Amino acid sequence: MPSEGGERIAVLQGTLDLIVLRTLESMGPQHAYAIATRLQQVSEDLLHLNQGTLYPALVRLEQQSRIKGTWGKTESNREAKFYAITKTGVKALAEETVRWRRMSGLVEKLLSEGA
């Protein structure tokens, strides 16, 4: 969602888990750098996630059994933890997507009506 001024966008609280799950669902297992790069690409360079933002989310999602991490080698032959969405994560993604769409629709309605 590009901003009018082309400024970078901060991730709203509660949305990072949702977009990480969606990324893993669509791309399959990825390491953290690949996830961050993909989100930057899809957002047309408006979203930049640093390690201090992304890694806590990955740890939280893994603790909630929404993703599972396994060690492997990257394309450049480096050791990295690859994360994959689990069945629990797929279910949570579906539920959170419905919730997010409902909430964003409400906010859009309130903004357009000048509440």
N, C-alpha and C. Protein backbone atom coordinates (compact mmCIF):
# COMPACT_ATOMS: atom_id res chain seq x y z
N MET A 1 0.84 -1.17 0.00
CA MET A 1 0.00 0.00 0.00
C MET A 1 0.89 1.23 0.00
N PRO A 2 1.19 1.80 -1.17
CA PRO A 2 2.08 2.94 -1.25
C PRO A 2 1.47 4.16 -0.57
N SER A 3 2.34 4.93 0.08
CA SER A 3 1.87 6.18 0.67
C SER A 3 1.98 7.28 -0.36
N GLU A 4 1.27 8.37 -0.16
CA GLU A 4 1.23 9.44 -1.15
C GLU A 4 2.61 10.05 -1.38
N GLY A 5 3.39 10.19 -0.33
CA GLY A 5 4.69 10.82 -0.46
C GLY A 5 5.81 9.85 -0.77
N GLY A 6 5.52 8.57 -0.94
CA GLY A 6 6.56 7.58 -1.19
C GLY A 6 7.41 7.29 0.04
N GLU A 7 6.93 7.65 1.21
CA GLU A 7 7.66 7.44 2.45
C GLU A 7 7.55 5.98 2.87
N ARG A 8 8.56 5.53 3.60
CA ARG A 8 8.49 4.17 4.13
C ARG A 8 7.35 4.07 5.13
N ILE A 9 6.80 2.88 5.20
CA ILE A 9 5.63 2.65 6.04
C ILE A 9 6.04 1.81 7.25
N ALA A 10 5.61 2.22 8.43
CA ALA A 10 5.85 1.43 9.64
C ALA A 10 4.80 0.33 9.70
N VAL A 11 5.20 -0.82 10.19
CA VAL A 11 4.27 -1.94 10.33
C VAL A 11 3.37 -1.69 11.53
N LEU A 12 2.07 -1.77 11.32
CA LEU A 12 1.13 -1.60 12.42
C LEU A 12 1.24 -2.78 13.37
N GLN A 13 1.10 -2.49 14.64
CA GLN A 13 1.17 -3.55 15.64
C GLN A 13 0.15 -4.65 15.31
N GLY A 14 0.59 -5.88 15.33
CA GLY A 14 -0.29 -7.01 15.07
C GLY A 14 -0.34 -7.45 13.62
N THR A 15 0.24 -6.65 12.73
CA THR A 15 0.18 -7.03 11.31
C THR A 15 1.41 -7.80 10.84
N LEU A 16 2.53 -7.67 11.53
CA LEU A 16 3.75 -8.33 11.09
C LEU A 16 3.59 -9.85 11.04
N ASP A 17 3.00 -10.42 12.07
CA ASP A 17 2.78 -11.87 12.08
C ASP A 17 1.94 -12.30 10.88
N LEU A 18 0.92 -11.53 10.59
CA LEU A 18 0.02 -11.83 9.47
C LEU A 18 0.77 -11.82 8.14
N ILE A 19 1.59 -10.79 7.91
CA ILE A 19 2.27 -10.72 6.62
C ILE A 19 3.41 -11.73 6.51
N VAL A 20 4.03 -12.09 7.64
CA VAL A 20 5.05 -13.14 7.60
C VAL A 20 4.40 -14.47 7.27
N LEU A 21 3.29 -14.79 7.91
CA LEU A 21 2.58 -16.04 7.61
C LEU A 21 2.16 -16.09 6.15
N ARG A 22 1.64 -14.99 5.64
CA ARG A 22 1.21 -14.95 4.24
C ARG A 22 2.38 -15.16 3.29
N THR A 23 3.51 -14.56 3.61
CA THR A 23 4.71 -14.71 2.79
C THR A 23 5.16 -16.16 2.76
N LEU A 24 5.18 -16.81 3.91
CA LEU A 24 5.60 -18.22 3.97
C LEU A 24 4.59 -19.13 3.29
N GLU A 25 3.32 -18.79 3.37
CA GLU A 25 2.30 -19.60 2.70
C GLU A 25 2.48 -19.52 1.18
N SER A 26 2.77 -18.34 0.69
CA SER A 26 2.87 -18.17 -0.76
C SER A 26 4.22 -18.59 -1.33
N MET A 27 5.30 -18.45 -0.57
CA MET A 27 6.64 -18.72 -1.09
C MET A 27 7.24 -20.04 -0.64
N GLY A 28 6.66 -20.65 0.39
CA GLY A 28 7.28 -21.84 0.95
C GLY A 28 8.37 -21.45 1.94
N PRO A 29 9.13 -22.42 2.44
CA PRO A 29 10.14 -22.14 3.46
C PRO A 29 11.15 -21.08 3.01
N GLN A 30 11.42 -20.14 3.91
CA GLN A 30 12.35 -19.03 3.63
C GLN A 30 13.15 -18.71 4.88
N HIS A 31 14.34 -18.15 4.69
CA HIS A 31 15.11 -17.65 5.82
C HIS A 31 14.74 -16.18 6.03
N ALA A 32 15.12 -15.64 7.18
CA ALA A 32 14.69 -14.29 7.58
C ALA A 32 15.04 -13.23 6.54
N TYR A 33 16.26 -13.28 6.02
CA TYR A 33 16.66 -12.27 5.05
C TYR A 33 15.79 -12.34 3.79
N ALA A 34 15.47 -13.53 3.35
CA ALA A 34 14.62 -13.69 2.17
C ALA A 34 13.21 -13.16 2.43
N ILE A 35 12.70 -13.38 3.65
CA ILE A 35 11.38 -12.86 4.02
C ILE A 35 11.40 -11.33 3.96
N ALA A 36 12.40 -10.73 4.60
CA ALA A 36 12.51 -9.27 4.63
C ALA A 36 12.65 -8.70 3.22
N THR A 37 13.46 -9.36 2.40
CA THR A 37 13.66 -8.90 1.02
C THR A 37 12.37 -8.99 0.22
N ARG A 38 11.64 -10.08 0.40
CA ARG A 38 10.38 -10.25 -0.33
C ARG A 38 9.36 -9.19 0.07
N LEU A 39 9.25 -8.91 1.36
CA LEU A 39 8.30 -7.90 1.82
C LEU A 39 8.68 -6.52 1.31
N GLN A 40 9.96 -6.24 1.25
CA GLN A 40 10.43 -4.97 0.71
C GLN A 40 10.08 -4.87 -0.77
N GLN A 41 10.26 -5.97 -1.49
CA GLN A 41 9.96 -6.01 -2.92
C GLN A 41 8.46 -5.83 -3.18
N VAL A 42 7.64 -6.60 -2.49
CA VAL A 42 6.19 -6.54 -2.69
C VAL A 42 5.63 -5.16 -2.31
N SER A 43 6.22 -4.55 -1.29
CA SER A 43 5.75 -3.23 -0.86
C SER A 43 6.31 -2.10 -1.72
N GLU A 44 7.01 -2.46 -2.78
CA GLU A 44 7.63 -1.48 -3.66
C GLU A 44 8.57 -0.56 -2.89
N ASP A 45 9.37 -1.19 -2.03
CA ASP A 45 10.43 -0.54 -1.26
C ASP A 45 9.92 0.40 -0.17
N LEU A 46 8.64 0.27 0.19
CA LEU A 46 8.09 1.12 1.25
C LEU A 46 8.20 0.49 2.63
N LEU A 47 8.41 -0.82 2.68
CA LEU A 47 8.50 -1.53 3.95
C LEU A 47 9.89 -2.14 4.09
N HIS A 48 10.59 -1.71 5.12
CA HIS A 48 11.91 -2.26 5.42
C HIS A 48 11.88 -2.81 6.83
N LEU A 49 12.18 -4.09 6.97
CA LEU A 49 12.19 -4.71 8.29
C LEU A 49 13.64 -4.96 8.70
N ASN A 50 13.99 -4.50 9.89
CA ASN A 50 15.32 -4.79 10.38
C ASN A 50 15.28 -6.04 11.26
N GLN A 51 16.45 -6.53 11.62
CA GLN A 51 16.51 -7.75 12.41
C GLN A 51 15.79 -7.60 13.75
N GLY A 52 15.85 -6.43 14.33
CA GLY A 52 15.21 -6.20 15.62
C GLY A 52 13.70 -6.25 15.55
N THR A 53 13.15 -6.14 14.37
CA THR A 53 11.70 -6.24 14.16
C THR A 53 11.31 -7.64 13.74
N LEU A 54 12.03 -8.20 12.77
CA LEU A 54 11.63 -9.47 12.18
C LEU A 54 11.93 -10.67 13.07
N TYR A 55 13.11 -10.73 13.67
CA TYR A 55 13.47 -11.92 14.45
C TYR A 55 12.56 -12.17 15.64
N PRO A 56 12.18 -11.14 16.41
CA PRO A 56 11.23 -11.41 17.50
C PRO A 56 9.90 -11.98 16.99
N ALA A 57 9.46 -11.52 15.83
CA ALA A 57 8.21 -12.04 15.26
C ALA A 57 8.39 -13.51 14.88
N LEU A 58 9.53 -13.86 14.30
CA LEU A 58 9.78 -15.25 13.93
C LEU A 58 9.84 -16.14 15.17
N VAL A 59 10.49 -15.66 16.21
CA VAL A 59 10.56 -16.43 17.47
C VAL A 59 9.16 -16.61 18.05
N ARG A 60 8.38 -15.53 18.06
CA ARG A 60 7.01 -15.59 18.60
C ARG A 60 6.16 -16.58 17.80
N LEU A 61 6.22 -16.50 16.49
CA LEU A 61 5.43 -17.41 15.64
C LEU A 61 5.87 -18.85 15.82
N GLU A 62 7.16 -19.07 16.03
CA GLU A 62 7.64 -20.44 16.25
C GLU A 62 7.18 -20.95 17.62
N GLN A 63 7.19 -20.10 18.62
CA GLN A 63 6.71 -20.49 19.96
C GLN A 63 5.22 -20.80 19.94
N GLN A 64 4.48 -20.15 19.06
CA GLN A 64 3.04 -20.39 18.93
C GLN A 64 2.74 -21.57 18.00
N SER A 65 3.79 -22.22 17.51
CA SER A 65 3.68 -23.36 16.57
C SER A 65 3.01 -22.97 15.26
N ARG A 66 3.09 -21.70 14.89
CA ARG A 66 2.53 -21.26 13.62
C ARG A 66 3.54 -21.41 12.48
N ILE A 67 4.82 -21.44 12.85
CA ILE A 67 5.88 -21.73 11.89
C ILE A 67 6.85 -22.71 12.54
N LYS A 68 7.64 -23.38 11.71
CA LYS A 68 8.67 -24.30 12.21
C LYS A 68 9.97 -23.95 11.51
N GLY A 69 11.02 -23.80 12.30
CA GLY A 69 12.32 -23.46 11.75
C GLY A 69 13.23 -24.67 11.69
N THR A 70 13.96 -24.81 10.59
CA THR A 70 14.98 -25.86 10.45
C THR A 70 16.21 -25.23 9.81
N TRP A 71 17.37 -25.72 10.22
CA TRP A 71 18.61 -25.18 9.69
C TRP A 71 18.92 -25.77 8.32
N GLY A 72 19.45 -24.92 7.45
CA GLY A 72 19.83 -25.35 6.11
C GLY A 72 20.82 -24.38 5.52
N LYS A 73 21.11 -24.56 4.26
CA LYS A 73 22.08 -23.72 3.54
C LYS A 73 21.34 -22.79 2.58
N THR A 74 21.79 -21.55 2.54
CA THR A 74 21.23 -20.57 1.61
C THR A 74 21.84 -20.79 0.23
N GLU A 75 21.38 -19.99 -0.73
CA GLU A 75 21.90 -20.06 -2.09
C GLU A 75 23.40 -19.77 -2.12
N SER A 76 23.86 -18.95 -1.17
CA SER A 76 25.28 -18.61 -1.10
C SER A 76 26.04 -19.54 -0.16
N ASN A 77 25.44 -20.68 0.17
CA ASN A 77 26.06 -21.73 0.98
C ASN A 77 26.32 -21.32 2.44
N ARG A 78 25.51 -20.42 2.95
CA ARG A 78 25.60 -20.03 4.36
C ARG A 78 24.55 -20.77 5.16
N GLU A 79 24.88 -21.02 6.43
CA GLU A 79 23.91 -21.64 7.34
C GLU A 79 22.84 -20.61 7.70
N ALA A 80 21.60 -21.01 7.63
CA ALA A 80 20.49 -20.13 8.00
C ALA A 80 19.32 -20.97 8.45
N LYS A 81 18.50 -20.39 9.28
CA LYS A 81 17.28 -21.06 9.72
C LYS A 81 16.18 -20.74 8.72
N PHE A 82 15.59 -21.79 8.17
CA PHE A 82 14.50 -21.65 7.21
C PHE A 82 13.18 -21.89 7.96
N TYR A 83 12.24 -21.00 7.73
CA TYR A 83 10.95 -21.08 8.41
C TYR A 83 9.88 -21.51 7.43
N ALA A 84 9.01 -22.40 7.89
CA ALA A 84 7.89 -22.89 7.08
C ALA A 84 6.61 -22.74 7.90
N ILE A 85 5.53 -22.42 7.24
CA ILE A 85 4.24 -22.30 7.91
C ILE A 85 3.72 -23.71 8.25
N THR A 86 3.11 -23.84 9.40
CA THR A 86 2.56 -25.12 9.85
C THR A 86 1.05 -25.13 9.61
N LYS A 87 0.41 -26.27 9.88
CA LYS A 87 -1.05 -26.34 9.76
C LYS A 87 -1.71 -25.35 10.72
N THR A 88 -1.15 -25.23 11.91
CA THR A 88 -1.66 -24.25 12.88
C THR A 88 -1.52 -22.84 12.32
N GLY A 89 -0.41 -22.58 11.64
CA GLY A 89 -0.17 -21.28 11.04
C GLY A 89 -1.12 -20.98 9.91
N VAL A 90 -1.43 -21.98 9.10
CA VAL A 90 -2.38 -21.81 7.99
C VAL A 90 -3.75 -21.44 8.55
N LYS A 91 -4.16 -22.13 9.59
CA LYS A 91 -5.46 -21.85 10.22
C LYS A 91 -5.47 -20.44 10.82
N ALA A 92 -4.38 -20.08 11.51
CA ALA A 92 -4.29 -18.75 12.11
C ALA A 92 -4.29 -17.67 11.03
N LEU A 93 -3.60 -17.93 9.93
CA LEU A 93 -3.56 -16.97 8.82
C LEU A 93 -4.96 -16.72 8.28
N ALA A 94 -5.73 -17.77 8.08
CA ALA A 94 -7.09 -17.62 7.57
C ALA A 94 -7.94 -16.80 8.54
N GLU A 95 -7.85 -17.12 9.83
CA GLU A 95 -8.64 -16.41 10.84
C GLU A 95 -8.22 -14.94 10.95
N GLU A 96 -6.92 -14.69 10.97
CA GLU A 96 -6.42 -13.33 11.11
C GLU A 96 -6.70 -12.49 9.86
N THR A 97 -6.70 -13.13 8.70
CA THR A 97 -7.01 -12.41 7.46
C THR A 97 -8.44 -11.91 7.48
N VAL A 98 -9.36 -12.76 7.92
CA VAL A 98 -10.77 -12.35 8.03
C VAL A 98 -10.89 -11.19 9.02
N ARG A 99 -10.23 -11.32 10.16
CA ARG A 99 -10.28 -10.28 11.19
C ARG A 99 -9.71 -8.97 10.67
N TRP A 100 -8.55 -9.05 9.98
CA TRP A 100 -7.91 -7.85 9.45
C TRP A 100 -8.79 -7.17 8.40
N ARG A 101 -9.38 -7.95 7.51
CA ARG A 101 -10.22 -7.37 6.46
C ARG A 101 -11.45 -6.70 7.06
N ARG A 102 -12.00 -7.30 8.10
CA ARG A 102 -13.16 -6.71 8.78
C ARG A 102 -12.76 -5.38 9.41
N MET A 103 -11.62 -5.38 10.11
CA MET A 103 -11.15 -4.19 10.80
C MET A 103 -10.77 -3.09 9.80
N SER A 104 -10.04 -3.43 8.74
CA SER A 104 -9.64 -2.40 7.78
C SER A 104 -10.86 -1.86 7.03
N GLY A 105 -11.86 -2.70 6.78
CA GLY A 105 -13.10 -2.23 6.16
C GLY A 105 -13.82 -1.24 7.05
N LEU A 106 -13.84 -1.52 8.34
CA LEU A 106 -14.47 -0.62 9.30
C LEU A 106 -13.75 0.72 9.34
N VAL A 107 -12.42 0.68 9.41
CA VAL A 107 -11.65 1.92 9.44
C VAL A 107 -11.88 2.72 8.15
N GLU A 108 -11.87 2.04 7.03
CA GLU A 108 -12.11 2.72 5.74
C GLU A 108 -13.50 3.37 5.74
N LYS A 109 -14.50 2.67 6.22
CA LYS A 109 -15.85 3.20 6.27
C LYS A 109 -15.91 4.45 7.17
N LEU A 110 -15.28 4.35 8.32
CA LEU A 110 -15.28 5.49 9.25
C LEU A 110 -14.55 6.68 8.67
N LEU A 111 -13.46 6.45 7.96
CA LEU A 111 -12.72 7.55 7.36
C LEU A 111 -13.49 8.19 6.21
N SER A 112 -14.15 7.37 5.42
CA SER A 112 -14.87 7.91 4.26
C SER A 112 -16.15 8.65 4.67
N GLU A 113 -16.72 8.29 5.79
CA GLU A 113 -17.93 8.97 6.25
C GLU A 113 -17.62 10.18 7.13
N GLY A 114 -16.34 10.37 7.44
CA GLY A 114 -15.95 11.51 8.24
C GLY A 114 -16.50 11.46 9.65
N ALA A 115 -16.45 10.31 10.27
CA ALA A 115 -17.02 10.10 11.59
C ALA A 115 -16.52 11.04 12.65
